[in-house]
Amino acid sequence: VVVADQRGRLAKIAAFVVLAGLAATFVVPRWWT
């Protein structure tokens, strides 16, 4: 996120969205189960 923020606000938001999506897709379901 720090590196993305250096490229601009939109890049930082995009990084957050991608990371949140990966967590919701791969981590949360596996850990819940």
PDB file of all heavy atoms in Angstrom:
ATOM      1  N   VAL A   1       0.839  -1.210   0.000  1.00  0.00           N
ATOM      2  CA  VAL A   1       0.000   0.000   0.000  1.00  0.00           C
ATOM      3  C   VAL A   1       0.870   1.254   0.000  1.00  0.00           C
ATOM      4  O   VAL A   1       0.531   2.249  -0.663  1.00  0.00           O
ATOM      5  CB  VAL A   1      -0.955  -0.024   1.205  1.00  0.00           C
ATOM      6  CG1 VAL A   1      -1.705   1.294   1.323  1.00  0.00           C
ATOM      7  CG2 VAL A   1      -1.939  -1.178   1.077  1.00  0.00           C
ATOM      8  N   VAL A   2       1.993   1.218   0.712  1.00  0.00           N
ATOM      9  CA  VAL A   2       2.897   2.379   0.730  1.00  0.00           C
ATOM     10  C   VAL A   2       3.424   2.664  -0.670  1.00  0.00           C
ATOM     11  O   VAL A   2       3.457   3.815  -1.128  1.00  0.00           O
ATOM     12  CB  VAL A   2       4.064   2.130   1.712  1.00  0.00           C
ATOM     13  CG1 VAL A   2       5.160   3.174   1.514  1.00  0.00           C
ATOM     14  CG2 VAL A   2       3.570   2.169   3.147  1.00  0.00           C
ATOM     15  N   VAL A   3       3.852   1.621  -1.367  1.00  0.00           N
ATOM     16  CA  VAL A   3       4.347   1.795  -2.735  1.00  0.00           C
ATOM     17  C   VAL A   3       3.245   2.294  -3.651  1.00  0.00           C
ATOM     18  O   VAL A   3       3.464   3.182  -4.488  1.00  0.00           O
ATOM     19  CB  VAL A   3       4.926   0.458  -3.260  1.00  0.00           C
ATOM     20  CG1 VAL A   3       5.272   0.570  -4.733  1.00  0.00           C
ATOM     21  CG2 VAL A   3       6.157   0.063  -2.449  1.00  0.00           C
ATOM     22  N   ALA A   4       2.045   1.741  -3.496  1.00  0.00           N
ATOM     23  CA  ALA A   4       0.918   2.179  -4.322  1.00  0.00           C
ATOM     24  C   ALA A   4       0.579   3.635  -4.052  1.00  0.00           C
ATOM     25  O   ALA A   4       0.256   4.394  -4.979  1.00  0.00           O
ATOM     26  CB  ALA A   4      -0.297   1.292  -4.058  1.00  0.00           C
ATOM     27  N   ASP A   5       0.683   4.048  -2.787  1.00  0.00           N
ATOM     28  CA  ASP A   5       0.358   5.431  -2.423  1.00  0.00           C
ATOM     29  C   ASP A   5       1.312   6.419  -3.075  1.00  0.00           C
ATOM     30  O   ASP A   5       0.944   7.564  -3.373  1.00  0.00           O
ATOM     31  CB  ASP A   5       0.407   5.566  -0.898  1.00  0.00           C
ATOM     32  CG  ASP A   5      -0.109   6.918  -0.430  1.00  0.00           C
ATOM     33  OD1 ASP A   5      -1.093   7.416  -1.015  1.00  0.00           O
ATOM     34  OD2 ASP A   5       0.470   7.466   0.525  1.00  0.00           O
ATOM     35  N   GLN A   6       2.543   5.990  -3.321  1.00  0.00           N
ATOM     36  CA  GLN A   6       3.514   6.863  -3.981  1.00  0.00           C
ATOM     37  C   GLN A   6       3.138   7.145  -5.431  1.00  0.00           C
ATOM     38  O   GLN A   6       3.617   8.104  -6.029  1.00  0.00           O
ATOM     39  CB  GLN A   6       4.904   6.229  -3.905  1.00  0.00           C
ATOM     40  CG  GLN A   6       5.448   6.131  -2.489  1.00  0.00           C
ATOM     41  CD  GLN A   6       6.722   5.328  -2.409  1.00  0.00           C
ATOM     42  OE1 GLN A   6       7.149   4.722  -3.406  1.00  0.00           O
ATOM     43  NE2 GLN A   6       7.367   5.309  -1.239  1.00  0.00           N
ATOM     44  N   ARG A   7       2.290   6.305  -5.992  1.00  0.00           N
ATOM     45  CA  ARG A   7       1.849   6.479  -7.373  1.00  0.00           C
ATOM     46  C   ARG A   7       0.529   7.232  -7.482  1.00  0.00           C
ATOM     47  O   ARG A   7       0.042   7.460  -8.587  1.00  0.00           O
ATOM     48  CB  ARG A   7       1.706   5.118  -8.050  1.00  0.00           C
ATOM     49  CG  ARG A   7       3.013   4.344  -8.096  1.00  0.00           C
ATOM     50  CD  ARG A   7       2.863   3.055  -8.876  1.00  0.00           C
ATOM     51  NE  ARG A   7       4.134   2.350  -8.976  1.00  0.00           N
ATOM     52  CZ  ARG A   7       4.323   1.226  -9.650  1.00  0.00           C
ATOM     53  NH1 ARG A   7       3.282   0.663 -10.284  1.00  0.00           N
ATOM     54  NH2 ARG A   7       5.503   0.653  -9.683  1.00  0.00           N
ATOM     55  N   GLY A   8      -0.050   7.549  -6.329  1.00  0.00           N
ATOM     56  CA  GLY A   8      -1.260   8.336  -6.367  1.00  0.00           C
ATOM     57  C   GLY A   8      -2.379   7.725  -5.541  1.00  0.00           C
ATOM     58  O   GLY A   8      -2.353   6.540  -5.181  1.00  0.00           O
ATOM     59  N   ARG A   9      -3.389   8.523  -5.280  1.00  0.00           N
ATOM     60  CA  ARG A   9      -4.496   8.100  -4.435  1.00  0.00           C
ATOM     61  C   ARG A   9      -5.271   6.942  -5.050  1.00  0.00           C
ATOM     62  O   ARG A   9      -5.675   6.010  -4.358  1.00  0.00           O
ATOM     63  CB  ARG A   9      -5.427   9.297  -4.197  1.00  0.00           C
ATOM     64  CG  ARG A   9      -6.588   9.004  -3.272  1.00  0.00           C
ATOM     65  CD  ARG A   9      -7.431  10.255  -3.048  1.00  0.00           C
ATOM     66  NE  ARG A   9      -8.559   9.982  -2.191  1.00  0.00           N
ATOM     67  CZ  ARG A   9      -8.516   9.969  -0.866  1.00  0.00           C
ATOM     68  NH1 ARG A   9      -7.365  10.201  -0.252  1.00  0.00           N
ATOM     69  NH2 ARG A   9      -9.600   9.723  -0.156  1.00  0.00           N
ATOM     70  N   LEU A  10      -5.493   6.993  -6.369  1.00  0.00           N
ATOM     71  CA  LEU A  10      -6.253   5.929  -7.027  1.00  0.00           C
ATOM     72  C   LEU A  10      -5.516   4.593  -6.937  1.00  0.00           C
ATOM     73  O   LEU A  10      -6.133   3.537  -6.755  1.00  0.00           O
ATOM     74  CB  LEU A  10      -6.522   6.293  -8.489  1.00  0.00           C
ATOM     75  CG  LEU A  10      -7.543   7.419  -8.728  1.00  0.00           C
ATOM     76  CD1 LEU A  10      -7.664   7.708 -10.220  1.00  0.00           C
ATOM     77  CD2 LEU A  10      -8.903   7.016  -8.155  1.00  0.00           C
ATOM     78  N   ALA A  11      -4.200   4.627  -7.076  1.00  0.00           N
ATOM     79  CA  ALA A  11      -3.412   3.394  -6.963  1.00  0.00           C
ATOM     80  C   ALA A  11      -3.507   2.815  -5.555  1.00  0.00           C
ATOM     81  O   ALA A  11      -3.592   1.595  -5.384  1.00  0.00           O
ATOM     82  CB  ALA A  11      -1.956   3.672  -7.320  1.00  0.00           C
ATOM     83  N   LYS A  12      -3.534   3.688  -4.552  1.00  0.00           N
ATOM     84  CA  LYS A  12      -3.666   3.223  -3.169  1.00  0.00           C
ATOM     85  C   LYS A  12      -5.024   2.569  -2.954  1.00  0.00           C
ATOM     86  O   LYS A  12      -5.117   1.488  -2.345  1.00  0.00           O
ATOM     87  CB  LYS A  12      -3.471   4.392  -2.208  1.00  0.00           C
ATOM     88  CG  LYS A  12      -3.581   4.005  -0.741  1.00  0.00           C
ATOM     89  CD  LYS A  12      -3.366   5.219   0.154  1.00  0.00           C
ATOM     90  CE  LYS A  12      -3.464   4.828   1.628  1.00  0.00           C
ATOM     91  NZ  LYS A  12      -3.258   6.007   2.517  1.00  0.00           N
ATOM     92  N   ILE A  13      -6.074   3.200  -3.467  1.00  0.00           N
ATOM     93  CA  ILE A  13      -7.421   2.627  -3.334  1.00  0.00           C
ATOM     94  C   ILE A  13      -7.496   1.290  -4.060  1.00  0.00           C
ATOM     95  O   ILE A  13      -8.070   0.317  -3.547  1.00  0.00           O
ATOM     96  CB  ILE A  13      -8.470   3.614  -3.876  1.00  0.00           C
ATOM     97  CG1 ILE A  13      -8.510   4.869  -2.993  1.00  0.00           C
ATOM     98  CG2 ILE A  13      -9.853   2.953  -3.936  1.00  0.00           C
ATOM     99  CD1 ILE A  13      -9.405   5.960  -3.542  1.00  0.00           C
ATOM    100  N   ALA A  14      -6.897   1.232  -5.240  1.00  0.00           N
ATOM    101  CA  ALA A  14      -6.904  -0.025  -6.003  1.00  0.00           C
ATOM    102  C   ALA A  14      -6.177  -1.132  -5.242  1.00  0.00           C
ATOM    103  O   ALA A  14      -6.621  -2.291  -5.232  1.00  0.00           O
ATOM    104  CB  ALA A  14      -6.264   0.193  -7.365  1.00  0.00           C
ATOM    105  N   ALA A  15      -5.080  -0.785  -4.601  1.00  0.00           N
ATOM    106  CA  ALA A  15      -4.329  -1.783  -3.826  1.00  0.00           C
ATOM    107  C   ALA A  15      -5.173  -2.320  -2.681  1.00  0.00           C
ATOM    108  O   ALA A  15      -5.209  -3.538  -2.431  1.00  0.00           O
ATOM    109  CB  ALA A  15      -3.031  -1.164  -3.294  1.00  0.00           C
ATOM    110  N   PHE A  16      -5.873  -1.421  -1.985  1.00  0.00           N
ATOM    111  CA  PHE A  16      -6.755  -1.853  -0.900  1.00  0.00           C
ATOM    112  C   PHE A  16      -7.846  -2.790  -1.413  1.00  0.00           C
ATOM    113  O   PHE A  16      -8.160  -3.809  -0.802  1.00  0.00           O
ATOM    114  CB  PHE A  16      -7.387  -0.644  -0.212  1.00  0.00           C
ATOM    115  CG  PHE A  16      -6.590  -0.105   0.935  1.00  0.00           C
ATOM    116  CD1 PHE A  16      -6.159   1.212   0.941  1.00  0.00           C
ATOM    117  CD2 PHE A  16      -6.274  -0.907   2.029  1.00  0.00           C
ATOM    118  CE1 PHE A  16      -5.428   1.722   1.998  1.00  0.00           C
ATOM    119  CE2 PHE A  16      -5.539  -0.414   3.085  1.00  0.00           C
ATOM    120  CZ  PHE A  16      -5.111   0.903   3.078  1.00  0.00           C
ATOM    121  N   VAL A  17      -8.429  -2.430  -2.543  1.00  0.00           N
ATOM    122  CA  VAL A  17      -9.515  -3.243  -3.101  1.00  0.00           C
ATOM    123  C   VAL A  17      -9.010  -4.641  -3.473  1.00  0.00           C
ATOM    124  O   VAL A  17      -9.661  -5.650  -3.185  1.00  0.00           O
ATOM    125  CB  VAL A  17     -10.135  -2.534  -4.325  1.00  0.00           C
ATOM    126  CG1 VAL A  17     -11.103  -3.473  -5.054  1.00  0.00           C
ATOM    127  CG2 VAL A  17     -10.850  -1.258  -3.900  1.00  0.00           C
ATOM    128  N   VAL A  18      -7.848  -4.698  -4.111  1.00  0.00           N
ATOM    129  CA  VAL A  18      -7.290  -5.996  -4.516  1.00  0.00           C
ATOM    130  C   VAL A  18      -6.970  -6.844  -3.294  1.00  0.00           C
ATOM    131  O   VAL A  18      -7.308  -8.042  -3.243  1.00  0.00           O
ATOM    132  CB  VAL A  18      -6.033  -5.789  -5.383  1.00  0.00           C
ATOM    133  CG1 VAL A  18      -5.326  -7.119  -5.611  1.00  0.00           C
ATOM    134  CG2 VAL A  18      -6.408  -5.156  -6.713  1.00  0.00           C
ATOM    135  N   LEU A  19      -6.320  -6.249  -2.280  1.00  0.00           N
ATOM    136  CA  LEU A  19      -5.966  -7.001  -1.082  1.00  0.00           C
ATOM    137  C   LEU A  19      -7.208  -7.488  -0.345  1.00  0.00           C
ATOM    138  O   LEU A  19      -7.256  -8.632   0.126  1.00  0.00           O
ATOM    139  CB  LEU A  19      -5.102  -6.141  -0.159  1.00  0.00           C
ATOM    140  CG  LEU A  19      -3.716  -5.768  -0.681  1.00  0.00           C
ATOM    141  CD1 LEU A  19      -3.003  -4.832   0.295  1.00  0.00           C
ATOM    142  CD2 LEU A  19      -2.865  -7.016  -0.930  1.00  0.00           C
ATOM    143  N   ALA A  20      -8.209  -6.625  -0.247  1.00  0.00           N
ATOM    144  CA  ALA A  20      -9.454  -7.020   0.417  1.00  0.00           C
ATOM    145  C   ALA A  20     -10.145  -8.141  -0.353  1.00  0.00           C
ATOM    146  O   ALA A  20     -10.690  -9.081   0.241  1.00  0.00           O
ATOM    147  CB  ALA A  20     -10.377  -5.819   0.558  1.00  0.00           C
ATOM    148  N   GLY A  21     -10.100  -8.061  -1.675  1.00  0.00           N
ATOM    149  CA  GLY A  21     -10.704  -9.105  -2.493  1.00  0.00           C
ATOM    150  C   GLY A  21     -10.005 -10.450  -2.328  1.00  0.00           C
ATOM    151  O   GLY A  21     -10.664 -11.492  -2.229  1.00  0.00           O
ATOM    152  N   LEU A  22      -8.677 -10.429  -2.287  1.00  0.00           N
ATOM    153  CA  LEU A  22      -7.923 -11.664  -2.087  1.00  0.00           C
ATOM    154  C   LEU A  22      -8.224 -12.282  -0.723  1.00  0.00           C
ATOM    155  O   LEU A  22      -8.396 -13.503  -0.595  1.00  0.00           O
ATOM    156  CB  LEU A  22      -6.428 -11.386  -2.219  1.00  0.00           C
ATOM    157  CG  LEU A  22      -5.920 -11.051  -3.627  1.00  0.00           C
ATOM    158  CD1 LEU A  22      -4.453 -10.618  -3.574  1.00  0.00           C
ATOM    159  CD2 LEU A  22      -6.085 -12.243  -4.563  1.00  0.00           C
ATOM    160  N   ALA A  23      -8.297 -11.427   0.304  1.00  0.00           N
ATOM    161  CA  ALA A  23      -8.599 -11.932   1.642  1.00  0.00           C
ATOM    162  C   ALA A  23      -9.995 -12.535   1.698  1.00  0.00           C
ATOM    163  O   ALA A  23     -10.196 -13.619   2.274  1.00  0.00           O
ATOM    164  CB  ALA A  23      -8.467 -10.807   2.668  1.00  0.00           C
ATOM    165  N   ALA A  24     -10.970 -11.847   1.086  1.00  0.00           N
ATOM    166  CA  ALA A  24     -12.348 -12.337   1.110  1.00  0.00           C
ATOM    167  C   ALA A  24     -12.518 -13.612   0.298  1.00  0.00           C
ATOM    168  O   ALA A  24     -13.362 -14.459   0.614  1.00  0.00           O
ATOM    169  CB  ALA A  24     -13.282 -11.247   0.577  1.00  0.00           C
ATOM    170  N   THR A  25     -11.700 -13.781  -0.724  1.00  0.00           N
ATOM    171  CA  THR A  25     -11.843 -14.938  -1.610  1.00  0.00           C
ATOM    172  C   THR A  25     -11.103 -16.165  -1.100  1.00  0.00           C
ATOM    173  O   THR A  25     -11.635 -17.288  -1.136  1.00  0.00           O
ATOM    174  CB  THR A  25     -11.329 -14.592  -3.021  1.00  0.00           C
ATOM    175  OG1 THR A  25     -12.050 -13.458  -3.511  1.00  0.00           O
ATOM    176  CG2 THR A  25     -11.513 -15.771  -3.962  1.00  0.00           C
ATOM    177  N   PHE A  26      -9.877 -15.968  -0.601  1.00  0.00           N
ATOM    178  CA  PHE A  26      -9.029 -17.117  -0.265  1.00  0.00           C
ATOM    179  C   PHE A  26      -8.842 -17.346   1.228  1.00  0.00           C
ATOM    180  O   PHE A  26      -8.745 -18.499   1.667  1.00  0.00           O
ATOM    181  CB  PHE A  26      -7.653 -16.953  -0.924  1.00  0.00           C
ATOM    182  CG  PHE A  26      -7.703 -16.920  -2.420  1.00  0.00           C
ATOM    183  CD1 PHE A  26      -7.547 -15.732  -3.115  1.00  0.00           C
ATOM    184  CD2 PHE A  26      -7.929 -18.084  -3.145  1.00  0.00           C
ATOM    185  CE1 PHE A  26      -7.606 -15.692  -4.501  1.00  0.00           C
ATOM    186  CE2 PHE A  26      -7.991 -18.061  -4.533  1.00  0.00           C
ATOM    187  CZ  PHE A  26      -7.832 -16.864  -5.216  1.00  0.00           C
ATOM    188  N   VAL A  27      -8.780 -16.288   2.006  1.00  0.00           N
ATOM    189  CA  VAL A  27      -8.435 -16.443   3.419  1.00  0.00           C
ATOM    190  C   VAL A  27      -9.668 -16.663   4.294  1.00  0.00           C
ATOM    191  O   VAL A  27      -9.753 -17.651   5.039  1.00  0.00           O
ATOM    192  CB  VAL A  27      -7.639 -15.223   3.925  1.00  0.00           C
ATOM    193  CG1 VAL A  27      -7.290 -15.396   5.404  1.00  0.00           C
ATOM    194  CG2 VAL A  27      -6.382 -15.029   3.097  1.00  0.00           C
ATOM    195  N   VAL A  28     -10.613 -15.746   4.215  1.00  0.00           N
ATOM    196  CA  VAL A  28     -11.772 -15.799   5.116  1.00  0.00           C
ATOM    197  C   VAL A  28     -12.536 -17.117   4.994  1.00  0.00           C
ATOM    198  O   VAL A  28     -12.825 -17.751   6.021  1.00  0.00           O
ATOM    199  CB  VAL A  28     -12.704 -14.591   4.877  1.00  0.00           C
ATOM    200  CG1 VAL A  28     -13.979 -14.737   5.706  1.00  0.00           C
ATOM    201  CG2 VAL A  28     -11.979 -13.292   5.230  1.00  0.00           C
ATOM    202  N   PRO A  29     -12.884 -17.594   3.787  1.00  0.00           N
ATOM    203  CA  PRO A  29     -13.622 -18.870   3.724  1.00  0.00           C
ATOM    204  C   PRO A  29     -12.843 -20.042   4.312  1.00  0.00           C
ATOM    205  O   PRO A  29     -13.416 -20.887   5.004  1.00  0.00           O
ATOM    206  CB  PRO A  29     -13.860 -19.060   2.214  1.00  0.00           C
ATOM    207  CG  PRO A  29     -13.734 -17.699   1.624  1.00  0.00           C
ATOM    208  CD  PRO A  29     -12.707 -17.006   2.454  1.00  0.00           C
ATOM    209  N   ARG A  30     -11.546 -20.097   4.031  1.00  0.00           N
ATOM    210  CA  ARG A  30     -10.740 -21.215   4.546  1.00  0.00           C
ATOM    211  C   ARG A  30     -10.636 -21.157   6.057  1.00  0.00           C
ATOM    212  O   ARG A  30     -10.731 -22.181   6.741  1.00  0.00           O
ATOM    213  CB  ARG A  30      -9.354 -21.204   3.897  1.00  0.00           C
ATOM    214  CG  ARG A  30      -8.523 -22.420   4.273  1.00  0.00           C
ATOM    215  CD  ARG A  30      -7.166 -22.426   3.623  1.00  0.00           C
ATOM    216  NE  ARG A  30      -6.455 -23.655   3.951  1.00  0.00           N
ATOM    217  CZ  ARG A  30      -6.461 -24.746   3.210  1.00  0.00           C
ATOM    218  NH1 ARG A  30      -7.141 -24.774   2.071  1.00  0.00           N
ATOM    219  NH2 ARG A  30      -5.798 -25.816   3.582  1.00  0.00           N
ATOM    220  N   TRP A  31     -10.414 -19.971   6.589  1.00  0.00           N
ATOM    221  CA  TRP A  31     -10.301 -19.847   8.035  1.00  0.00           C
ATOM    222  C   TRP A  31     -11.640 -20.094   8.717  1.00  0.00           C
ATOM    223  O   TRP A  31     -11.692 -20.658   9.807  1.00  0.00           O
ATOM    224  CB  TRP A  31      -9.750 -18.472   8.401  1.00  0.00           C
ATOM    225  CG  TRP A  31      -8.267 -18.360   8.189  1.00  0.00           C
ATOM    226  CD1 TRP A  31      -7.465 -19.251   7.529  1.00  0.00           C
ATOM    227  CD2 TRP A  31      -7.419 -17.307   8.635  1.00  0.00           C
ATOM    228  NE1 TRP A  31      -6.173 -18.805   7.523  1.00  0.00           N
ATOM    229  CE2 TRP A  31      -6.103 -17.625   8.198  1.00  0.00           C
ATOM    230  CE3 TRP A  31      -7.629 -16.134   9.338  1.00  0.00           C
ATOM    231  CZ2 TRP A  31      -5.022 -16.796   8.464  1.00  0.00           C
ATOM    232  CZ3 TRP A  31      -6.556 -15.301   9.611  1.00  0.00           C
ATOM    233  CH2 TRP A  31      -5.263 -15.627   9.176  1.00  0.00           C
ATOM    234  N   TRP A  32     -12.718 -19.668   8.097  1.00  0.00           N
ATOM    235  CA  TRP A  32     -14.049 -19.907   8.671  1.00  0.00           C
ATOM    236  C   TRP A  32     -14.294 -21.411   8.780  1.00  0.00           C
ATOM    237  O   TRP A  32     -14.721 -21.913   9.816  1.00  0.00           O
ATOM    238  CB  TRP A  32     -15.112 -19.248   7.819  1.00  0.00           C
ATOM    239  CG  TRP A  32     -16.517 -19.503   8.303  1.00  0.00           C
ATOM    240  CD1 TRP A  32     -17.369 -20.480   7.887  1.00  0.00           C
ATOM    241  CD2 TRP A  32     -17.219 -18.762   9.305  1.00  0.00           C
ATOM    242  NE1 TRP A  32     -18.560 -20.410   8.555  1.00  0.00           N
ATOM    243  CE2 TRP A  32     -18.497 -19.365   9.441  1.00  0.00           C
ATOM    244  CE3 TRP A  32     -16.896 -17.651  10.101  1.00  0.00           C
ATOM    245  CZ2 TRP A  32     -19.444 -18.881  10.340  1.00  0.00           C
ATOM    246  CZ3 TRP A  32     -17.845 -17.185  11.002  1.00  0.00           C
ATOM    247  CH2 TRP A  32     -19.091 -17.797  11.114  1.00  0.00           C
ATOM    248  N   THR A  33     -13.987 -22.129   7.699  1.00  0.00           N
ATOM    249  CA  THR A  33     -14.167 -23.583   7.712  1.00  0.00           C
ATOM    250  C   THR A  33     -13.194 -24.246   8.684  1.00  0.00           C
ATOM    251  O   THR A  33     -13.564 -25.156   9.432  1.00  0.00           O
ATOM    252  CB  THR A  33     -13.950 -24.153   6.299  1.00  0.00           C
ATOM    253  OG1 THR A  33     -14.865 -23.525   5.396  1.00  0.00           O
ATOM    254  CG2 THR A  33     -14.168 -25.658   6.278  1.00  0.00           C
TER     255      THR A  33
END
